[in-house]
Amino acid sequence: MPTVVAAMSGVVTPMIVAATTGSGTIIACPSSFRNHNFMITGAAGVTSGAVQVETSNDPADAGTWAPLTASPTTVVATSDVLVSYIGILNFVRARVSTTIAGGGSPSVNVNYMGSKSY
């Protein structure tokens, strides 16, 4: 069973930390959450790479997870790219869909923050 972290409203939770490949921590989203933000941040010198934010109803799903966006998000050097989603999600993860490359230490961070609608 993969590691699953329960999200807390308004608390930033790291999904991917300084990675160039692979999938990050799976986040369990409470059913009361309707607002989901994913901040994708590229390290200095990144010249290529992309991240796909995905969802599933089963955290142990070994198949292809459903993408939240029509296409992967391009990672930009020393920049934050926000991916937002409004709706109910059970489990989410971020996956490096295209290897992060460029510079001396290419990598990407992805952070999640969810909250209720009031």
Protein backbone atom coordinates (compact mmCIF):
# COMPACT_ATOMS: atom_id res chain seq x y z
CA MET A 1 0.00 0.00 0.00
CA PRO A 2 1.45 3.40 -0.93
CA THR A 3 1.86 6.14 1.66
CA VAL A 4 -1.32 8.22 1.91
CA VAL A 5 -1.51 11.55 3.77
CA ALA A 6 -4.79 13.08 4.93
CA ALA A 7 -5.22 16.69 3.85
CA MET A 8 -6.13 19.38 6.38
CA SER A 9 -8.03 22.49 5.34
CA GLY A 10 -5.74 25.39 4.53
CA VAL A 11 -2.53 23.45 5.28
CA VAL A 12 0.10 23.09 2.54
CA THR A 13 1.11 19.45 2.05
CA PRO A 14 4.19 18.49 -0.02
CA MET A 15 3.45 15.96 -2.77
CA ILE A 16 6.76 15.98 -4.66
CA VAL A 17 9.98 17.34 -3.17
CA ALA A 18 13.05 17.99 -5.36
CA ALA A 19 12.34 15.17 -7.82
CA THR A 20 13.10 14.65 -11.50
CA THR A 21 10.96 11.53 -12.05
CA GLY A 22 8.26 9.48 -10.36
CA SER A 23 5.01 9.97 -8.48
CA GLY A 24 4.61 11.88 -5.27
CA THR A 25 2.78 11.35 -2.02
CA ILE A 26 -0.89 10.47 -2.39
CA ILE A 27 -3.26 12.88 -0.65
CA ALA A 28 -6.64 11.77 0.76
CA CYS A 29 -9.08 14.65 0.34
CA PRO A 30 -11.98 14.96 2.82
CA SER A 31 -15.38 14.93 1.10
CA SER A 32 -16.03 18.45 2.46
CA PHE A 33 -13.17 19.87 0.34
CA ARG A 34 -14.30 21.50 -2.89
CA ASN A 35 -11.27 23.73 -3.61
CA HIS A 36 -7.95 22.14 -4.55
CA ASN A 37 -4.72 23.98 -5.42
CA PHE A 38 -1.51 22.40 -6.68
CA MET A 39 1.58 24.65 -6.77
CA ILE A 40 4.23 23.35 -9.17
CA THR A 41 7.66 24.98 -8.71
CA GLY A 42 10.69 24.34 -10.90
CA ALA A 43 14.27 24.70 -9.64
CA ALA A 44 16.69 27.19 -11.18
CA GLY A 45 17.99 26.06 -14.56
CA VAL A 46 15.13 23.70 -15.44
CA THR A 47 14.77 23.65 -19.22
CA SER A 48 12.20 20.89 -19.72
CA GLY A 49 9.80 18.59 -17.96
CA ALA A 50 6.16 18.32 -17.00
CA VAL A 51 3.89 17.26 -14.14
CA GLN A 52 0.46 15.66 -14.40
CA VAL A 53 -1.94 15.99 -11.45
CA GLU A 54 -4.13 12.88 -11.24
CA THR A 55 -7.04 11.45 -9.22
CA SER A 56 -8.38 8.03 -8.31
CA ASN A 57 -11.01 6.51 -6.05
CA ASP A 58 -8.47 3.95 -4.79
CA PRO A 59 -5.06 4.97 -3.40
CA ALA A 60 -3.65 1.55 -4.33
CA ASP A 61 -4.82 1.84 -7.96
CA ALA A 62 -2.05 0.28 -10.03
CA GLY A 63 -3.66 1.35 -13.30
CA THR A 64 -3.67 4.71 -15.03
CA TRP A 65 -5.08 7.46 -12.79
CA ALA A 66 -7.46 10.05 -14.27
CA PRO A 67 -5.79 13.36 -15.18
CA LEU A 68 -7.22 16.56 -13.64
CA THR A 69 -6.03 18.71 -16.55
CA ALA A 70 -6.28 18.16 -20.29
CA SER A 71 -2.50 18.01 -20.60
CA PRO A 72 0.50 17.88 -18.25
CA THR A 73 1.71 21.18 -16.77
CA THR A 74 5.08 22.37 -18.10
CA VAL A 75 7.62 23.03 -15.34
CA VAL A 76 9.16 26.52 -15.54
CA ALA A 77 12.53 27.40 -13.93
CA THR A 78 12.25 29.36 -10.66
CA SER A 79 8.52 29.91 -11.22
CA ASP A 80 5.31 28.83 -9.55
CA VAL A 81 2.57 27.40 -11.75
CA LEU A 82 -0.83 27.02 -10.09
CA VAL A 83 -3.21 24.22 -11.06
CA SER A 84 -6.66 24.66 -9.47
CA TYR A 85 -9.58 22.27 -9.39
CA ILE A 86 -13.08 22.74 -7.95
CA GLY A 87 -15.05 19.63 -7.09
CA ILE A 88 -14.97 16.50 -4.97
CA LEU A 89 -11.84 14.34 -5.15
CA ASN A 90 -11.08 11.17 -3.19
CA PHE A 91 -7.33 10.74 -3.72
CA VAL A 92 -4.86 12.88 -5.68
CA ARG A 93 -1.23 12.60 -6.66
CA ALA A 94 1.26 14.48 -8.78
CA ARG A 95 3.37 12.52 -11.27
CA VAL A 96 6.37 13.71 -13.25
CA SER A 97 5.12 12.81 -16.73
CA THR A 98 8.18 14.16 -18.56
CA THR A 99 11.58 13.96 -16.83
CA ILE A 100 12.72 17.27 -15.32
CA ALA A 101 16.01 18.30 -16.99
CA GLY A 102 18.45 21.18 -17.40
CA GLY A 103 20.89 23.10 -15.24
CA GLY A 104 23.13 21.70 -12.52
CA SER A 105 20.40 20.38 -10.22
CA PRO A 106 17.09 20.16 -12.07
CA SER A 107 14.07 19.28 -9.94
CA VAL A 108 10.45 20.11 -9.22
CA ASN A 109 8.35 20.59 -6.08
CA VAL A 110 4.58 20.13 -5.96
CA ASN A 111 2.53 21.29 -2.97
CA TYR A 112 -1.18 20.71 -2.34
CA MET A 113 -3.64 22.87 -0.40
CA GLY A 114 -7.33 22.12 -0.18
CA SER A 115 -10.24 23.75 1.59
CA LYS A 116 -13.99 23.72 2.07
CA SER A 117 -16.39 26.01 0.26
CA TYR A 118 -18.17 28.40 2.59
